[in-house]
PDB file of N, CA and C in Angstrom:
ATOM      1  N   UNK A   1      71.543  -7.841-144.625  1.00  0.00           N
ATOM      2  CA  UNK A   1      72.957  -7.588-144.488  1.00  0.00           C
ATOM      3  C   UNK A   1      73.147  -6.188-143.913  1.00  0.00           C
ATOM      4  N   UNK A   2      73.934  -6.118-142.864  1.00  0.00           N
ATOM      5  CA  UNK A   2      74.232  -4.821-142.267  1.00  0.00           C
ATOM      6  C   UNK A   2      75.646  -4.413-142.661  1.00  0.00           C
ATOM      7  N   UNK A   3      75.808  -3.138-142.909  1.00  0.00           N
ATOM      8  CA  UNK A   3      77.130  -2.622-143.262  1.00  0.00           C
ATOM      9  C   UNK A   3      77.272  -1.203-142.736  1.00  0.00           C
ATOM     10  N   UNK A   4      78.492  -0.771-142.567  1.00  0.00           N
ATOM     11  CA  UNK A   4      78.791   0.559-142.047  1.00  0.00           C
ATOM     12  C   UNK A   4      78.732   1.570-143.192  1.00  0.00           C
ATOM     13  N   UNK A   5      77.764   2.459-143.129  1.00  0.00           N
ATOM     14  CA  UNK A   5      77.580   3.458-144.183  1.00  0.00           C
ATOM     15  C   UNK A   5      78.674   4.511-144.191  1.00  0.00           C
ATOM     16  N   UNK A   6      79.478   4.553-143.145  1.00  0.00           N
ATOM     17  CA  UNK A   6      80.617   5.472-143.112  1.00  0.00           C
ATOM     18  C   UNK A   6      81.819   4.894-143.843  1.00  0.00           C
ATOM     19  N   UNK A   7      81.795   3.594-144.081  1.00  0.00           N
ATOM     20  CA  UNK A   7      82.907   2.929-144.763  1.00  0.00           C
ATOM     21  C   UNK A   7      82.568   2.613-146.220  1.00  0.00           C
ATOM     22  N   UNK A   8      81.363   2.106-146.460  1.00  0.00           N
ATOM     23  CA  UNK A   8      80.961   1.684-147.805  1.00  0.00           C
ATOM     24  C   UNK A   8      79.961   2.672-148.397  1.00  0.00           C
ATOM     25  N   UNK A   9      80.100   2.937-149.685  1.00  0.00           N
ATOM     26  CA  UNK A   9      79.199   3.900-150.329  1.00  0.00           C
ATOM     27  C   UNK A   9      77.838   3.301-150.649  1.00  0.00           C
ATOM     28  N   UNK A  10      77.747   1.966-150.668  1.00  0.00           N
ATOM     29  CA  UNK A  10      76.471   1.323-150.946  1.00  0.00           C
ATOM     30  C   UNK A  10      76.482  -0.099-150.400  1.00  0.00           C
ATOM     31  N   UNK A  11      75.307  -0.679-150.331  1.00  0.00           N
ATOM     32  CA  UNK A  11      75.199  -2.068-149.901  1.00  0.00           C
ATOM     33  C   UNK A  11      75.910  -2.986-150.891  1.00  0.00           C
ATOM     34  N   UNK A  12      75.854  -2.638-152.165  1.00  0.00           N
ATOM     35  CA  UNK A  12      76.525  -3.436-153.190  1.00  0.00           C
ATOM     36  C   UNK A  12      78.034  -3.476-153.013  1.00  0.00           C
ATOM     37  N   UNK A  13      78.626  -2.330-152.681  1.00  0.00           N
ATOM     38  CA  UNK A  13      80.082  -2.318-152.468  1.00  0.00           C
ATOM     39  C   UNK A  13      80.450  -3.095-151.210  1.00  0.00           C
ATOM     40  N   UNK A  14      79.631  -3.000-150.172  1.00  0.00           N
ATOM     41  CA  UNK A  14      79.883  -3.771-148.951  1.00  0.00           C
ATOM     42  C   UNK A  14      79.781  -5.263-149.242  1.00  0.00           C
ATOM     43  N   UNK A  15      78.760  -5.662-149.975  1.00  0.00           N
ATOM     44  CA  UNK A  15      78.573  -7.065-150.324  1.00  0.00           C
ATOM     45  C   UNK A  15      79.776  -7.600-151.095  1.00  0.00           C
ATOM     46  N   UNK A  16      80.208  -6.853-152.094  1.00  0.00           N
ATOM     47  CA  UNK A  16      81.355  -7.301-152.876  1.00  0.00           C
ATOM     48  C   UNK A  16      82.616  -7.384-152.023  1.00  0.00           C
ATOM     49  N   UNK A  17      82.791  -6.447-151.111  1.00  0.00           N
ATOM     50  CA  UNK A  17      83.948  -6.500-150.223  1.00  0.00           C
ATOM     51  C   UNK A  17      83.899  -7.762-149.351  1.00  0.00           C
ATOM     52  N   UNK A  18      82.761  -8.012-148.731  1.00  0.00           N
ATOM     53  CA  UNK A  18      82.656  -9.173-147.848  1.00  0.00           C
ATOM     54  C   UNK A  18      82.838 -10.482-148.615  1.00  0.00           C
ATOM     55  N   UNK A  19      82.337 -10.547-149.833  1.00  0.00           N
ATOM     56  CA  UNK A  19      82.502 -11.762-150.633  1.00  0.00           C
ATOM     57  C   UNK A  19      83.953 -12.000-151.025  1.00  0.00           C
ATOM     58  N   UNK A  20      84.667 -10.945-151.338  1.00  0.00           N
ATOM     59  CA  UNK A  20      86.014 -11.091-151.888  1.00  0.00           C
ATOM     60  C   UNK A  20      87.149 -10.902-150.890  1.00  0.00           C
ATOM     61  N   UNK A  21      86.899 -10.207-149.787  1.00  0.00           N
ATOM     62  CA  UNK A  21      88.006  -9.841-148.910  1.00  0.00           C
ATOM     63  C   UNK A  21      87.835 -10.233-147.445  1.00  0.00           C
ATOM     64  N   UNK A  22      86.826 -11.002-147.143  1.00  0.00           N
ATOM     65  CA  UNK A  22      86.685 -11.505-145.780  1.00  0.00           C
ATOM     66  C   UNK A  22      86.506 -13.013-145.859  1.00  0.00           C
ATOM     67  N   UNK A  23      86.604 -13.665-144.723  1.00  0.00           N
ATOM     68  CA  UNK A  23      86.462 -15.121-144.764  1.00  0.00           C
ATOM     69  C   UNK A  23      85.875 -15.646-143.461  1.00  0.00           C
ATOM     70  N   UNK A  24      85.552 -16.901-143.502  1.00  0.00           N
ATOM     71  CA  UNK A  24      85.094 -17.619-142.333  1.00  0.00           C
ATOM     72  C   UNK A  24      83.894 -17.020-141.631  1.00  0.00           C
ATOM     73  N   UNK A  25      83.991 -17.011-140.316  1.00  0.00           N
ATOM     74  CA  UNK A  25      82.882 -16.581-139.480  1.00  0.00           C
ATOM     75  C   UNK A  25      82.510 -15.115-139.724  1.00  0.00           C
ATOM     76  N   UNK A  26      83.497 -14.266-139.955  1.00  0.00           N
ATOM     77  CA  UNK A  26      83.204 -12.849-140.208  1.00  0.00           C
ATOM     78  C   UNK A  26      82.348 -12.696-141.460  1.00  0.00           C
ATOM     79  N   UNK A  27      82.724 -13.372-142.532  1.00  0.00           N
ATOM     80  CA  UNK A  27      81.946 -13.290-143.774  1.00  0.00           C
ATOM     81  C   UNK A  27      80.549 -13.863-143.563  1.00  0.00           C
ATOM     82  N   UNK A  28      80.457 -14.978-142.874  1.00  0.00           N
ATOM     83  CA  UNK A  28      79.153 -15.593-142.627  1.00  0.00           C
ATOM     84  C   UNK A  28      78.237 -14.641-141.867  1.00  0.00           C
ATOM     85  N   UNK A  29      78.788 -13.972-140.864  1.00  0.00           N
ATOM     86  CA  UNK A  29      77.990 -13.002-140.106  1.00  0.00           C
ATOM     87  C   UNK A  29      77.535 -11.855-140.990  1.00  0.00           C
ATOM     88  N   UNK A  30      78.448 -11.317-141.776  1.00  0.00           N
ATOM     89  CA  UNK A  30      78.127 -10.165-142.619  1.00  0.00           C
ATOM     90  C   UNK A  30      77.096 -10.509-143.694  1.00  0.00           C
ATOM     91  N   UNK A  31      77.128 -11.744-144.179  1.00  0.00           N
ATOM     92  CA  UNK A  31      76.213 -12.149-145.250  1.00  0.00           C
ATOM     93  C   UNK A  31      74.960 -12.849-144.723  1.00  0.00           C
ATOM     94  N   UNK A  32      74.797 -12.851-143.409  1.00  0.00           N
ATOM     95  CA  UNK A  32      73.630 -13.474-142.774  1.00  0.00           C
ATOM     96  C   UNK A  32      73.490 -14.954-143.118  1.00  0.00           C
ATOM     97  N   UNK A  33      74.610 -15.660-143.144  1.00  0.00           N
ATOM     98  CA  UNK A  33      74.590 -17.098-143.404  1.00  0.00           C
ATOM     99  C   UNK A  33      74.198 -17.803-142.106  1.00  0.00           C
ATOM    100  N   UNK A  34      73.191 -18.663-142.196  1.00  0.00           N
ATOM    101  CA  UNK A  34      72.714 -19.413-141.037  1.00  0.00           C
ATOM    102  C   UNK A  34      72.652 -20.896-141.381  1.00  0.00           C
ATOM    103  N   UNK A  35      72.546 -21.709-140.368  1.00  0.00           N
ATOM    104  CA  UNK A  35      72.412 -23.145-140.565  1.00  0.00           C
ATOM    105  C   UNK A  35      71.161 -23.472-141.377  1.00  0.00           C
ATOM    106  N   UNK A  36      70.114 -22.678-141.203  1.00  0.00           N
ATOM    107  CA  UNK A  36      68.859 -22.904-141.919  1.00  0.00           C
ATOM    108  C   UNK A  36      69.052 -22.861-143.437  1.00  0.00           C
ATOM    109  N   UNK A  37      70.000 -22.060-143.900  1.00  0.00           N
ATOM    110  CA  UNK A  37      70.257 -21.983-145.344  1.00  0.00           C
ATOM    111  C   UNK A  37      70.769 -23.312-145.882  1.00  0.00           C
ATOM    112  N   UNK A  38      71.463 -24.068-145.050  1.00  0.00           N
ATOM    113  CA  UNK A  38      71.975 -25.378-145.451  1.00  0.00           C
ATOM    114  C   UNK A  38      70.910 -26.460-145.317  1.00  0.00           C
ATOM    115  N   UNK A  39      69.848 -26.165-144.576  1.00  0.00           N
ATOM    116  CA  UNK A  39      68.796 -27.142-144.333  1.00  0.00           C
ATOM    117  C   UNK A  39      67.570 -26.953-145.221  1.00  0.00           C
ATOM    118  N   UNK A  40      67.435 -25.803-145.827  1.00  0.00           N
ATOM    119  CA  UNK A  40      66.231 -25.469-146.591  1.00  0.00           C
ATOM    120  C   UNK A  40      66.633 -24.894-147.950  1.00  0.00           C
ATOM    121  N   UNK A  41      66.453 -25.692-148.988  1.00  0.00           N
ATOM    122  CA  UNK A  41      66.882 -25.299-150.333  1.00  0.00           C
ATOM    123  C   UNK A  41      66.176 -24.029-150.811  1.00  0.00           C
ATOM    124  N   UNK A  42      64.894 -23.896-150.524  1.00  0.00           N
ATOM    125  CA  UNK A  42      64.151 -22.712-150.957  1.00  0.00           C
ATOM    126  C   UNK A  42      64.635 -21.458-150.231  1.00  0.00           C
ATOM    127  N   UNK A  43      64.937 -21.590-148.962  1.00  0.00           N
ATOM    128  CA  UNK A  43      65.456 -20.459-148.195  1.00  0.00           C
ATOM    129  C   UNK A  43      66.841 -20.049-148.712  1.00  0.00           C
ATOM    130  N   UNK A  44      67.664 -21.037-149.058  1.00  0.00           N
ATOM    131  CA  UNK A  44      68.987 -20.752-149.622  1.00  0.00           C
ATOM    132  C   UNK A  44      68.852 -20.011-150.951  1.00  0.00           C
ATOM    133  N   UNK A  45      67.901 -20.414-151.778  1.00  0.00           N
ATOM    134  CA  UNK A  45      67.682 -19.750-153.070  1.00  0.00           C
ATOM    135  C   UNK A  45      67.230 -18.303-152.865  1.00  0.00           C
ATOM    136  N   UNK A  46      66.354 -18.099-151.898  1.00  0.00           N
ATOM    137  CA  UNK A  46      65.886 -16.742-151.599  1.00  0.00           C
ATOM    138  C   UNK A  46      67.055 -15.871-151.135  1.00  0.00           C
ATOM    139  N   UNK A  47      67.907 -16.417-150.253  1.00  0.00           N
ATOM    140  CA  UNK A  47      69.097 -15.707-149.777  1.00  0.00           C
ATOM    141  C   UNK A  47      69.980 -15.314-150.954  1.00  0.00           C
ATOM    142  N   UNK A  48      70.247 -16.270-151.832  1.00  0.00           N
ATOM    143  CA  UNK A  48      71.090 -16.023-152.998  1.00  0.00           C
ATOM    144  C   UNK A  48      70.489 -14.926-153.879  1.00  0.00           C
ATOM    145  N   UNK A  49      69.227 -15.058-154.197  1.00  0.00           N
ATOM    146  CA  UNK A  49      68.568 -14.079-155.074  1.00  0.00           C
ATOM    147  C   UNK A  49      68.592 -12.673-154.482  1.00  0.00           C
ATOM    148  N   UNK A  50      68.341 -12.566-153.176  1.00  0.00           N
ATOM    149  CA  UNK A  50      68.324 -11.248-152.528  1.00  0.00           C
ATOM    150  C   UNK A  50      69.703 -10.593-152.552  1.00  0.00           C
ATOM    151  N   UNK A  51      70.742 -11.383-152.388  1.00  0.00           N
ATOM    152  CA  UNK A  51      72.086 -10.805-152.443  1.00  0.00           C
ATOM    153  C   UNK A  51      72.522 -10.537-153.882  1.00  0.00           C
ATOM    154  N   UNK A  52      72.180 -11.419-154.785  1.00  0.00           N
ATOM    155  CA  UNK A  52      72.607 -11.270-156.179  1.00  0.00           C
ATOM    156  C   UNK A  52      72.137  -9.944-156.782  1.00  0.00           C
ATOM    157  N   UNK A  53      70.911  -9.562-156.502  1.00  0.00           N
ATOM    158  CA  UNK A  53      70.391  -8.314-157.087  1.00  0.00           C
ATOM    159  C   UNK A  53      71.123  -7.083-156.569  1.00  0.00           C
ATOM    160  N   UNK A  54      71.801  -7.205-155.440  1.00  0.00           N
ATOM    161  CA  UNK A  54      72.528  -6.074-154.866  1.00  0.00           C
ATOM    162  C   UNK A  54      73.932  -5.914-155.436  1.00  0.00           C
ATOM    163  N   UNK A  55      74.415  -6.947-156.114  1.00  0.00           N
ATOM    164  CA  UNK A  55      75.766  -6.882-156.674  1.00  0.00           C
ATOM    165  C   UNK A  55      75.856  -5.822-157.765  1.00  0.00           C
ATOM    166  N   UNK A  56      76.953  -5.101-157.788  1.00  0.00           N
ATOM    167  CA  UNK A  56      77.153  -4.075-158.805  1.00  0.00           C
ATOM    168  C   UNK A  56      77.552  -4.697-160.135  1.00  0.00           C
ATOM    169  N   UNK A  57      78.380  -5.722-160.093  1.00  0.00           N
ATOM    170  CA  UNK A  57      78.845  -6.410-161.301  1.00  0.00           C
ATOM    171  C   UNK A  57      78.327  -7.838-161.265  1.00  0.00           C
ATOM    172  N   UNK A  58      77.262  -8.087-161.986  1.00  0.00           N
ATOM    173  CA  UNK A  58      76.593  -9.390-161.938  1.00  0.00           C
ATOM    174  C   UNK A  58      77.403 -10.501-162.613  1.00  0.00           C
ATOM    175  N   UNK A  59      78.466 -10.146-163.317  1.00  0.00           N
ATOM    176  CA  UNK A  59      79.294 -11.152-163.988  1.00  0.00           C
ATOM    177  C   UNK A  59      80.722 -11.191-163.452  1.00  0.00           C
ATOM    178  N   UNK A  60      80.963 -10.518-162.352  1.00  0.00           N
ATOM    179  CA  UNK A  60      82.318 -10.415-161.821  1.00  0.00           C
ATOM    180  C   UNK A  60      82.667 -11.490-160.810  1.00  0.00           C
ATOM    181  N   UNK A  61      83.803 -11.289-160.161  1.00  0.00           N
ATOM    182  CA  UNK A  61      84.315 -12.262-159.191  1.00  0.00           C
ATOM    183  C   UNK A  61      83.404 -12.415-157.986  1.00  0.00           C
ATOM    184  N   UNK A  62      82.806 -11.327-157.522  1.00  0.00           N
ATOM    185  CA  UNK A  62      81.918 -11.407-156.362  1.00  0.00           C
ATOM    186  C   UNK A  62      80.682 -12.248-156.689  1.00  0.00           C
ATOM    187  N   UNK A  63      80.147 -12.084-157.882  1.00  0.00           N
ATOM    188  CA  UNK A  63      78.992 -12.889-158.299  1.00  0.00           C
ATOM    189  C   UNK A  63      79.366 -14.362-158.363  1.00  0.00           C
ATOM    190  N   UNK A  64      80.544 -14.652-158.868  1.00  0.00           N
ATOM    191  CA  UNK A  64      81.010 -16.039-158.935  1.00  0.00           C
ATOM    192  C   UNK A  64      81.185 -16.616-157.535  1.00  0.00           C
ATOM    193  N   UNK A  65      81.720 -15.817-156.620  1.00  0.00           N
ATOM    194  CA  UNK A  65      81.920 -16.283-155.239  1.00  0.00           C
ATOM    195  C   UNK A  65      80.574 -16.533-154.561  1.00  0.00           C
ATOM    196  N   UNK A  66      79.608 -15.626-154.770  1.00  0.00           N
ATOM    197  CA  UNK A  66      78.274 -15.802-154.201  1.00  0.00           C
ATOM    198  C   UNK A  66      77.644 -17.093-154.721  1.00  0.00           C
ATOM    199  N   UNK A  67      77.763 -17.330-156.015  1.00  0.00           N
ATOM    200  CA  UNK A  67      77.205 -18.550-156.605  1.00  0.00           C
ATOM    201  C   UNK A  67      77.881 -19.788-156.013  1.00  0.00           C
ATOM    202  N   UNK A  68      79.173 -19.711-155.809  1.00  0.00           N
ATOM    203  CA  UNK A  68      79.916 -20.825-155.210  1.00  0.00           C
ATOM    204  C   UNK A  68      79.385 -21.129-153.805  1.00  0.00           C
ATOM    205  N   UNK A  69      79.164 -20.107-152.997  1.00  0.00           N
ATOM    206  CA  UNK A  69      78.619 -20.308-151.652  1.00  0.00           C
ATOM    207  C   UNK A  69      77.236 -20.943-151.727  1.00  0.00           C
ATOM    208  N   UNK A  70      76.408 -20.425-152.611  1.00  0.00           N
ATOM    209  CA  UNK A  70      75.057 -20.964-152.767  1.00  0.00           C
ATOM    210  C   UNK A  70      75.108 -22.434-153.186  1.00  0.00           C
ATOM    211  N   UNK A  71      75.926 -22.759-154.149  1.00  0.00           N
ATOM    212  CA  UNK A  71      76.020 -24.144-154.603  1.00  0.00           C
ATOM    213  C   UNK A  71      76.525 -25.074-153.499  1.00  0.00           C
ATOM    214  N   UNK A  72      77.407 -24.594-152.652  1.00  0.00           N
ATOM    215  CA  UNK A  72      77.847 -25.395-151.507  1.00  0.00           C
ATOM    216  C   UNK A  72      76.707 -25.630-150.526  1.00  0.00           C
ATOM    217  N   UNK A  73      75.834 -24.651-150.378  1.00  0.00           N
ATOM    218  CA  UNK A  73      74.692 -24.803-149.476  1.00  0.00           C
ATOM    219  C   UNK A  73      73.736 -25.878-149.966  1.00  0.00           C
ATOM    220  N   UNK A  74      73.506 -25.919-151.260  1.00  0.00           N
ATOM    221  CA  UNK A  74      72.475 -26.824-151.780  1.00  0.00           C
ATOM    222  C   UNK A  74      73.024 -28.149-152.298  1.00  0.00           C
ATOM    223  N   UNK A  75      74.302 -28.379-152.213  1.00  0.00           N
ATOM    224  CA  UNK A  75      74.879 -29.594-152.794  1.00  0.00           C
ATOM    225  C   UNK A  75      74.403 -30.864-152.116  1.00  0.00           C
ATOM    226  N   UNK A  76      73.875 -30.762-150.910  1.00  0.00           N
ATOM    227  CA  UNK A  76      73.407 -31.955-150.219  1.00  0.00           C
ATOM    228  C   UNK A  76      72.033 -32.407-150.703  1.00  0.00           C
ATOM    229  N   UNK A  77      71.360 -31.569-151.477  1.00  0.00           N
ATOM    230  CA  UNK A  77      70.036 -31.911-151.961  1.00  0.00           C
ATOM    231  C   UNK A  77      70.135 -32.701-153.269  1.00  0.00           C
ATOM    232  N   UNK A  78      69.271 -33.711-153.440  1.00  0.00           N
ATOM    233  CA  UNK A  78      69.302 -34.450-154.713  1.00  0.00           C
ATOM    234  C   UNK A  78      68.840 -33.570-155.867  1.00  0.00           C
ATOM    235  N   UNK A  79      69.347 -33.855-157.027  1.00  0.00           N
ATOM    236  CA  UNK A  79      68.937 -33.106-158.221  1.00  0.00           C
ATOM    237  C   UNK A  79      67.451 -33.317-158.483  1.00  0.00           C
ATOM    238  N   UNK A  80      66.793 -32.272-158.937  1.00  0.00           N
ATOM    239  CA  UNK A  80      65.369 -32.384-159.302  1.00  0.00           C
ATOM    240  C   UNK A  80      65.247 -33.193-160.572  1.00  0.00           C
ATOM    241  N   UNK A  81      64.260 -34.057-160.605  1.00  0.00           N
ATOM    242  CA  UNK A  81      64.033 -34.887-161.813  1.00  0.00           C
ATOM    243  C   UNK A  81      63.186 -34.159-162.813  1.00  0.00           C
TER     244      UNK A  81
END
């Protein structure tokens, strides 16, 4: 994830901003969302984990939004038995 260090004090604040205050293609670009994340469950999990650790508030709205995006990515996969 790339962010402007002149605007955000940390990667965590940039991540939370993009999760909560941007949408669509802009958010996808900022969060490095690619088609491959929707095609590869393990890659989607890695993406989620890498962003989750950067969040400042792991129980806040941004964390919930990140989880929602991740769950949308993997919803096409059958549940593990």
